[in-house]
């Protein structure tokens, strides 16, 4: 398994973010939980040109400054209304750009908000996605 991966790191991946929808480009995925079978990630997107998305209760703003983040390069938001898990395999660590973590306070607050949202809201069936190792590798061929 990927012992090197840590909660708070970012994987850059193309994912199936809904049962029938696949991202066209790689997006940052914040690692929220790791166990032997799978890694749970939170989809992150930049706020630039998408500030209206901050009005939705299932999106949480992440300031890239104060303190300056080394895993996110611009202001972003986390999508709390999706449960995305990925089969845990050694080569997942190849999709990190850095071993750095989101700063502790922001990470703790984000994980608390994510768990709170997941526990207190119905997550639509099409937004509960599990990706296998082979699906991840196929979508994200390392060239």
N, C-alpha and C. Protein backbone atom coordinates (compact mmCIF):
# COMPACT_ATOMS: atom_id res chain seq x y z
N UNK A 1 0.83 -1.19 0.00
CA UNK A 1 0.00 0.00 0.00
C UNK A 1 0.87 1.26 0.00
N UNK A 2 0.23 2.40 -0.13
CA UNK A 2 0.96 3.67 -0.26
C UNK A 2 1.23 4.29 1.11
N UNK A 3 2.20 3.73 1.82
CA UNK A 3 2.54 4.27 3.14
C UNK A 3 3.02 5.71 3.07
N UNK A 4 3.56 6.10 1.93
CA UNK A 4 4.10 7.44 1.79
C UNK A 4 3.03 8.52 1.71
N UNK A 5 1.83 8.16 1.32
CA UNK A 5 0.75 9.15 1.22
C UNK A 5 0.26 9.52 2.60
N UNK A 6 -0.15 10.80 2.73
CA UNK A 6 -0.63 11.29 4.03
C UNK A 6 -1.90 12.11 3.83
N UNK A 7 -2.77 12.06 4.82
CA UNK A 7 -3.94 12.93 4.83
C UNK A 7 -3.45 14.37 4.78
N UNK A 8 -4.04 15.16 3.87
CA UNK A 8 -3.64 16.55 3.70
C UNK A 8 -2.79 16.79 2.47
N UNK A 9 -2.29 15.71 1.86
CA UNK A 9 -1.56 15.86 0.60
C UNK A 9 -2.55 15.96 -0.55
N UNK A 10 -2.04 16.42 -1.68
CA UNK A 10 -2.87 16.59 -2.88
C UNK A 10 -2.39 15.63 -3.96
N UNK A 11 -3.33 14.92 -4.55
CA UNK A 11 -3.07 14.12 -5.75
C UNK A 11 -3.65 14.89 -6.93
N UNK A 12 -2.96 14.92 -8.04
CA UNK A 12 -3.45 15.56 -9.26
C UNK A 12 -3.92 14.46 -10.19
N UNK A 13 -5.24 14.36 -10.36
CA UNK A 13 -5.83 13.25 -11.08
C UNK A 13 -7.02 13.66 -11.94
N UNK A 14 -7.20 12.95 -13.01
CA UNK A 14 -8.49 12.93 -13.70
C UNK A 14 -9.31 11.88 -12.95
N UNK A 15 -10.53 12.20 -12.61
CA UNK A 15 -11.38 11.26 -11.87
C UNK A 15 -12.76 11.19 -12.49
N UNK A 16 -13.46 10.16 -12.10
CA UNK A 16 -14.88 10.05 -12.41
C UNK A 16 -15.56 10.69 -11.21
N UNK A 17 -15.97 11.94 -11.35
CA UNK A 17 -16.49 12.68 -10.21
C UNK A 17 -17.98 12.47 -10.00
N UNK A 18 -18.64 11.85 -10.95
CA UNK A 18 -20.00 11.34 -10.78
C UNK A 18 -20.01 9.98 -11.46
N UNK A 19 -21.01 9.19 -11.19
CA UNK A 19 -21.06 7.85 -11.75
C UNK A 19 -20.78 7.85 -13.25
N UNK A 20 -21.33 8.82 -13.97
CA UNK A 20 -21.19 8.82 -15.43
C UNK A 20 -20.45 10.04 -15.99
N UNK A 21 -19.68 10.75 -15.15
CA UNK A 21 -18.97 11.94 -15.61
C UNK A 21 -17.50 11.87 -15.23
N UNK A 22 -16.63 12.06 -16.22
CA UNK A 22 -15.19 12.01 -16.01
C UNK A 22 -14.61 13.39 -16.29
N UNK A 23 -13.67 13.83 -15.45
CA UNK A 23 -13.05 15.14 -15.68
C UNK A 23 -12.16 15.08 -16.93
N UNK A 24 -12.11 16.20 -17.64
CA UNK A 24 -11.31 16.30 -18.86
C UNK A 24 -9.85 16.60 -18.54
N UNK A 25 -9.62 17.23 -17.40
CA UNK A 25 -8.26 17.61 -17.00
C UNK A 25 -8.01 17.14 -15.57
N UNK A 26 -6.73 17.12 -15.22
CA UNK A 26 -6.39 16.72 -13.85
C UNK A 26 -6.77 17.84 -12.90
N UNK A 27 -7.32 17.43 -11.75
CA UNK A 27 -7.71 18.36 -10.69
C UNK A 27 -7.01 17.96 -9.40
N UNK A 28 -6.82 18.92 -8.51
CA UNK A 28 -6.28 18.56 -7.20
C UNK A 28 -7.33 17.79 -6.39
N UNK A 29 -6.89 16.71 -5.78
CA UNK A 29 -7.73 15.88 -4.92
C UNK A 29 -7.05 15.80 -3.57
N UNK A 30 -7.68 16.37 -2.55
CA UNK A 30 -7.10 16.38 -1.21
C UNK A 30 -7.37 15.04 -0.54
N UNK A 31 -6.34 14.41 -0.02
CA UNK A 31 -6.50 13.14 0.67
C UNK A 31 -7.14 13.40 2.03
N UNK A 32 -8.33 12.79 2.24
CA UNK A 32 -9.09 12.99 3.48
C UNK A 32 -8.98 11.80 4.41
N UNK A 33 -8.76 10.61 3.85
CA UNK A 33 -8.67 9.40 4.66
C UNK A 33 -7.88 8.36 3.90
N UNK A 34 -7.12 7.57 4.64
CA UNK A 34 -6.33 6.49 4.03
C UNK A 34 -6.54 5.24 4.86
N UNK A 35 -6.84 4.13 4.18
CA UNK A 35 -6.80 2.83 4.85
C UNK A 35 -6.20 1.83 3.88
N UNK A 36 -6.14 0.57 4.26
CA UNK A 36 -5.48 -0.43 3.41
C UNK A 36 -6.18 -0.63 2.07
N UNK A 37 -7.50 -0.48 2.05
CA UNK A 37 -8.26 -0.77 0.84
C UNK A 37 -8.40 0.44 -0.09
N UNK A 38 -8.62 1.61 0.49
CA UNK A 38 -8.91 2.77 -0.36
C UNK A 38 -8.40 4.06 0.27
N UNK A 39 -8.38 5.09 -0.58
CA UNK A 39 -8.08 6.46 -0.16
C UNK A 39 -9.31 7.29 -0.50
N UNK A 40 -9.79 8.05 0.47
CA UNK A 40 -10.92 8.95 0.21
C UNK A 40 -10.34 10.33 -0.07
N UNK A 41 -10.83 10.95 -1.15
CA UNK A 41 -10.33 12.26 -1.54
C UNK A 41 -11.47 13.26 -1.65
N UNK A 42 -11.12 14.53 -1.48
CA UNK A 42 -12.07 15.63 -1.64
C UNK A 42 -11.65 16.41 -2.88
N UNK A 43 -12.57 16.56 -3.83
CA UNK A 43 -12.29 17.30 -5.05
C UNK A 43 -12.11 18.78 -4.74
N UNK A 44 -11.07 19.37 -5.31
CA UNK A 44 -10.74 20.78 -5.12
C UNK A 44 -10.80 21.45 -6.49
N UNK A 45 -11.31 22.67 -6.53
CA UNK A 45 -11.32 23.43 -7.78
C UNK A 45 -10.96 24.87 -7.45
N UNK A 46 -10.40 25.57 -8.42
CA UNK A 46 -10.00 26.97 -8.19
C UNK A 46 -11.23 27.87 -8.25
N UNK A 47 -11.18 28.94 -7.48
CA UNK A 47 -12.30 29.88 -7.43
C UNK A 47 -12.28 30.86 -8.61
N UNK A 48 -11.12 31.06 -9.23
CA UNK A 48 -10.99 32.03 -10.33
C UNK A 48 -12.04 31.76 -11.40
N UNK A 49 -12.88 32.75 -11.67
CA UNK A 49 -13.92 32.62 -12.66
C UNK A 49 -15.12 31.79 -12.20
N UNK A 50 -15.09 31.36 -10.95
CA UNK A 50 -16.16 30.49 -10.44
C UNK A 50 -16.60 30.92 -9.04
N UNK A 51 -16.46 32.19 -8.72
CA UNK A 51 -16.80 32.66 -7.37
C UNK A 51 -18.24 32.36 -6.99
N UNK A 52 -19.14 32.27 -7.97
CA UNK A 52 -20.53 31.97 -7.68
C UNK A 52 -20.68 30.61 -6.99
N UNK A 53 -19.73 29.71 -7.20
CA UNK A 53 -19.81 28.38 -6.58
C UNK A 53 -19.65 28.43 -5.06
N UNK A 54 -19.12 29.53 -4.56
CA UNK A 54 -18.96 29.66 -3.10
C UNK A 54 -20.30 29.88 -2.40
N UNK A 55 -21.35 30.20 -3.15
CA UNK A 55 -22.67 30.39 -2.54
C UNK A 55 -23.35 29.07 -2.22
N UNK A 56 -22.89 27.99 -2.81
CA UNK A 56 -23.51 26.69 -2.53
C UNK A 56 -23.02 26.18 -1.16
N UNK A 57 -23.93 25.65 -0.35
CA UNK A 57 -23.54 25.21 0.99
C UNK A 57 -22.61 24.01 1.00
N UNK A 58 -22.48 23.33 -0.13
CA UNK A 58 -21.62 22.15 -0.19
C UNK A 58 -20.21 22.45 -0.70
N UNK A 59 -19.92 23.73 -0.95
CA UNK A 59 -18.57 24.12 -1.35
C UNK A 59 -17.94 24.94 -0.23
N UNK A 60 -16.70 24.63 0.09
CA UNK A 60 -16.01 25.33 1.18
C UNK A 60 -14.76 26.02 0.63
N UNK A 61 -14.67 27.31 0.90
CA UNK A 61 -13.55 28.14 0.44
C UNK A 61 -12.25 27.75 1.14
N UNK A 62 -11.16 27.72 0.36
CA UNK A 62 -9.82 27.48 0.91
C UNK A 62 -8.93 28.63 0.42
N UNK A 63 -8.47 29.44 1.36
CA UNK A 63 -7.58 30.56 1.07
C UNK A 63 -6.17 30.00 0.84
N UNK A 64 -5.54 30.37 -0.26
CA UNK A 64 -4.20 29.86 -0.55
C UNK A 64 -3.11 30.62 0.20
N UNK A 65 -3.49 31.70 0.87
CA UNK A 65 -2.55 32.49 1.68
C UNK A 65 -2.94 32.38 3.15
N UNK A 66 -2.11 32.96 4.01
CA UNK A 66 -2.41 33.11 5.44
C UNK A 66 -2.73 31.79 6.15
N UNK A 67 -1.81 30.89 6.28
CA UNK A 67 -0.44 30.92 5.74
C UNK A 67 -0.41 30.52 4.27
N UNK A 68 0.66 30.92 3.61
CA UNK A 68 0.85 30.60 2.19
C UNK A 68 0.91 29.09 2.03
N UNK A 69 0.07 28.55 1.15
CA UNK A 69 0.02 27.11 0.94
C UNK A 69 1.03 26.67 -0.12
N UNK A 70 1.61 25.52 0.08
CA UNK A 70 2.54 24.96 -0.90
C UNK A 70 1.89 23.83 -1.70
N UNK A 71 0.66 23.44 -1.35
CA UNK A 71 -0.04 22.38 -2.08
C UNK A 71 -1.13 22.94 -2.99
N UNK A 72 -1.60 24.14 -2.70
CA UNK A 72 -2.57 24.84 -3.55
C UNK A 72 -1.98 26.19 -3.91
N UNK A 73 -1.97 26.49 -5.19
CA UNK A 73 -1.28 27.70 -5.65
C UNK A 73 -2.21 28.89 -5.81
N UNK A 74 -3.52 28.64 -5.71
CA UNK A 74 -4.47 29.74 -5.82
C UNK A 74 -5.70 29.43 -4.97
N UNK A 75 -6.47 30.48 -4.66
CA UNK A 75 -7.67 30.28 -3.86
C UNK A 75 -8.55 29.23 -4.52
N UNK A 76 -9.13 28.37 -3.70
CA UNK A 76 -9.87 27.21 -4.20
C UNK A 76 -11.09 26.96 -3.34
N UNK A 77 -11.84 25.95 -3.74
CA UNK A 77 -12.93 25.48 -2.90
C UNK A 77 -12.98 23.97 -2.94
N UNK A 78 -13.42 23.40 -1.82
CA UNK A 78 -13.56 21.95 -1.69
C UNK A 78 -15.02 21.60 -1.90
N UNK A 79 -15.26 20.52 -2.63
CA UNK A 79 -16.62 20.06 -2.90
C UNK A 79 -16.97 18.98 -1.89
N UNK A 80 -17.85 19.33 -0.96
CA UNK A 80 -18.18 18.43 0.15
C UNK A 80 -19.30 17.45 -0.18
N UNK A 81 -19.96 17.63 -1.32
CA UNK A 81 -21.16 16.85 -1.64
C UNK A 81 -20.88 15.63 -2.53
N UNK A 82 -19.64 15.19 -2.55
CA UNK A 82 -19.26 14.00 -3.31
C UNK A 82 -18.46 13.09 -2.39
N UNK A 83 -18.70 11.80 -2.49
CA UNK A 83 -17.88 10.83 -1.75
C UNK A 83 -17.10 10.05 -2.79
N UNK A 84 -15.81 10.35 -2.88
CA UNK A 84 -14.95 9.77 -3.91
C UNK A 84 -13.85 8.95 -3.24
N UNK A 85 -13.85 7.65 -3.53
CA UNK A 85 -12.80 6.78 -3.01
C UNK A 85 -12.04 6.16 -4.18
N UNK A 86 -10.77 5.91 -3.92
CA UNK A 86 -9.87 5.35 -4.92
C UNK A 86 -9.18 4.15 -4.29
N UNK A 87 -9.13 3.05 -5.03
CA UNK A 87 -8.41 1.87 -4.55
C UNK A 87 -6.99 2.29 -4.17
N UNK A 88 -6.54 1.84 -3.01
CA UNK A 88 -5.21 2.20 -2.53
C UNK A 88 -4.17 1.31 -3.21
N UNK A 89 -3.23 1.94 -3.93
CA UNK A 89 -2.15 1.19 -4.56
C UNK A 89 -0.88 2.04 -4.55
N UNK A 90 0.26 1.38 -4.57
CA UNK A 90 1.56 2.02 -4.39
C UNK A 90 1.80 3.19 -5.35
N UNK A 91 1.43 3.02 -6.62
CA UNK A 91 1.75 4.04 -7.60
C UNK A 91 0.93 5.32 -7.49
N UNK A 92 -0.04 5.36 -6.59
CA UNK A 92 -0.79 6.62 -6.40
C UNK A 92 0.14 7.77 -6.04
N UNK A 93 1.20 7.47 -5.33
CA UNK A 93 2.11 8.55 -4.90
C UNK A 93 2.76 9.26 -6.08
N UNK A 94 2.76 8.66 -7.26
CA UNK A 94 3.32 9.31 -8.45
C UNK A 94 2.48 10.51 -8.90
N UNK A 95 1.26 10.61 -8.37
CA UNK A 95 0.36 11.69 -8.79
C UNK A 95 0.42 12.89 -7.85
N UNK A 96 1.36 12.89 -6.92
CA UNK A 96 1.60 14.07 -6.07
C UNK A 96 2.57 15.00 -6.77
N UNK A 97 2.37 16.30 -6.59
CA UNK A 97 3.37 17.25 -7.07
C UNK A 97 4.34 17.60 -5.96
N UNK A 98 3.89 17.41 -4.72
CA UNK A 98 4.72 17.70 -3.55
C UNK A 98 4.31 16.77 -2.41
N UNK A 99 5.23 16.56 -1.49
CA UNK A 99 4.91 15.77 -0.29
C UNK A 99 4.33 16.65 0.81
N UNK A 100 4.27 17.97 0.56
CA UNK A 100 3.74 18.91 1.56
C UNK A 100 2.27 18.62 1.84
N UNK A 101 1.81 19.12 2.99
CA UNK A 101 0.41 18.99 3.40
C UNK A 101 -0.24 20.36 3.43
N UNK A 102 -1.55 20.37 3.29
CA UNK A 102 -2.30 21.60 3.54
C UNK A 102 -2.03 22.00 4.99
N UNK A 103 -1.93 23.29 5.27
CA UNK A 103 -1.60 23.73 6.63
C UNK A 103 -2.60 23.15 7.64
N UNK A 104 -2.10 22.87 8.85
CA UNK A 104 -2.85 22.10 9.85
C UNK A 104 -4.22 22.68 10.18
N UNK A 105 -4.30 23.97 10.45
CA UNK A 105 -5.58 24.57 10.83
C UNK A 105 -6.59 24.45 9.69
N UNK A 106 -6.16 24.79 8.47
CA UNK A 106 -7.08 24.69 7.32
C UNK A 106 -7.49 23.25 7.09
N UNK A 107 -6.54 22.32 7.21
CA UNK A 107 -6.85 20.91 7.00
C UNK A 107 -7.84 20.40 8.05
N UNK A 108 -7.60 20.73 9.31
CA UNK A 108 -8.51 20.28 10.38
C UNK A 108 -9.92 20.83 10.17
N UNK A 109 -10.01 22.12 9.85
CA UNK A 109 -11.33 22.74 9.63
C UNK A 109 -12.03 22.12 8.42
N UNK A 110 -11.28 21.91 7.34
CA UNK A 110 -11.86 21.34 6.13
C UNK A 110 -12.34 19.90 6.38
N UNK A 111 -11.54 19.09 7.05
CA UNK A 111 -11.94 17.71 7.33
C UNK A 111 -13.16 17.66 8.25
N UNK A 112 -13.21 18.57 9.23
CA UNK A 112 -14.39 18.65 10.10
C UNK A 112 -15.64 19.03 9.31
N UNK A 113 -15.51 20.03 8.44
CA UNK A 113 -16.65 20.46 7.61
C UNK A 113 -17.08 19.34 6.66
N UNK A 114 -16.12 18.64 6.09
CA UNK A 114 -16.41 17.53 5.17
C UNK A 114 -17.18 16.42 5.89
N UNK A 115 -16.66 16.00 7.04
CA UNK A 115 -17.33 14.93 7.79
C UNK A 115 -18.72 15.37 8.25
N UNK A 116 -18.83 16.61 8.70
CA UNK A 116 -20.12 17.14 9.13
C UNK A 116 -21.11 17.13 7.96
N UNK A 117 -20.68 17.61 6.79
CA UNK A 117 -21.56 17.64 5.63
C UNK A 117 -21.95 16.22 5.23
N UNK A 118 -20.99 15.33 5.17
CA UNK A 118 -21.25 13.95 4.76
C UNK A 118 -22.21 13.24 5.73
N UNK A 119 -22.07 13.54 7.02
CA UNK A 119 -22.92 12.88 8.03
C UNK A 119 -24.32 13.47 8.14
N UNK A 120 -24.48 14.72 7.74
CA UNK A 120 -25.76 15.41 7.96
C UNK A 120 -26.53 15.76 6.70
N UNK A 121 -26.06 15.29 5.56
CA UNK A 121 -26.74 15.55 4.30
C UNK A 121 -26.78 14.27 3.48
N UNK A 122 -27.82 14.14 2.70
CA UNK A 122 -27.92 12.98 1.81
C UNK A 122 -27.01 13.24 0.61
N UNK A 123 -26.08 12.33 0.39
CA UNK A 123 -25.21 12.43 -0.78
C UNK A 123 -25.90 11.67 -1.90
N UNK A 124 -26.12 12.36 -3.02
CA UNK A 124 -26.82 11.74 -4.15
C UNK A 124 -26.04 10.53 -4.63
N UNK A 125 -26.78 9.50 -5.00
CA UNK A 125 -26.18 8.24 -5.43
C UNK A 125 -25.16 8.42 -6.56
N UNK A 126 -25.47 9.32 -7.50
CA UNK A 126 -24.54 9.52 -8.62
C UNK A 126 -23.24 10.20 -8.20
N UNK A 127 -23.21 10.74 -6.97
CA UNK A 127 -22.02 11.41 -6.46
C UNK A 127 -21.21 10.54 -5.49
N UNK A 128 -21.56 9.27 -5.40
CA UNK A 128 -20.80 8.31 -4.60
C UNK A 128 -20.05 7.43 -5.59
N UNK A 129 -18.75 7.65 -5.67
CA UNK A 129 -17.95 7.02 -6.72
C UNK A 129 -16.75 6.30 -6.10
N UNK A 130 -16.52 5.07 -6.56
CA UNK A 130 -15.30 4.36 -6.21
C UNK A 130 -14.56 4.04 -7.50
N UNK A 131 -13.28 4.38 -7.53
CA UNK A 131 -12.46 4.11 -8.72
C UNK A 131 -11.43 3.03 -8.39
N UNK A 132 -11.30 2.09 -9.30
CA UNK A 132 -10.30 1.04 -9.13
C UNK A 132 -8.93 1.53 -9.58
N UNK A 133 -7.93 0.81 -9.19
CA UNK A 133 -6.55 1.08 -9.62
C UNK A 133 -6.49 1.19 -11.15
N UNK A 134 -7.14 0.25 -11.82
CA UNK A 134 -7.04 0.20 -13.28
C UNK A 134 -7.74 1.39 -13.93
N UNK A 135 -8.83 1.84 -13.36
CA UNK A 135 -9.52 3.02 -13.89
C UNK A 135 -8.66 4.27 -13.70
N UNK A 136 -8.05 4.40 -12.54
CA UNK A 136 -7.17 5.55 -12.27
C UNK A 136 -6.00 5.55 -13.25
N UNK A 137 -5.37 4.39 -13.42
CA UNK A 137 -4.22 4.31 -14.32
C UNK A 137 -4.63 4.61 -15.77
N UNK A 138 -5.77 4.11 -16.18
CA UNK A 138 -6.22 4.34 -17.55
C UNK A 138 -6.50 5.82 -17.82
N UNK A 139 -7.13 6.50 -16.85
CA UNK A 139 -7.43 7.92 -17.02
C UNK A 139 -6.22 8.82 -16.89
N UNK A 140 -5.20 8.35 -16.18
CA UNK A 140 -4.07 9.20 -15.81
C UNK A 140 -2.74 8.61 -16.24
N UNK A 141 -2.66 8.11 -17.44
CA UNK A 141 -1.41 7.52 -17.91
C UNK A 141 -0.27 8.51 -17.71
N UNK A 142 0.77 8.03 -17.04
CA UNK A 142 1.95 8.88 -16.83
C UNK A 142 2.83 8.78 -18.06
N UNK A 143 3.07 9.93 -18.65
CA UNK A 143 3.89 9.90 -19.88
C UNK A 143 5.31 10.32 -19.59
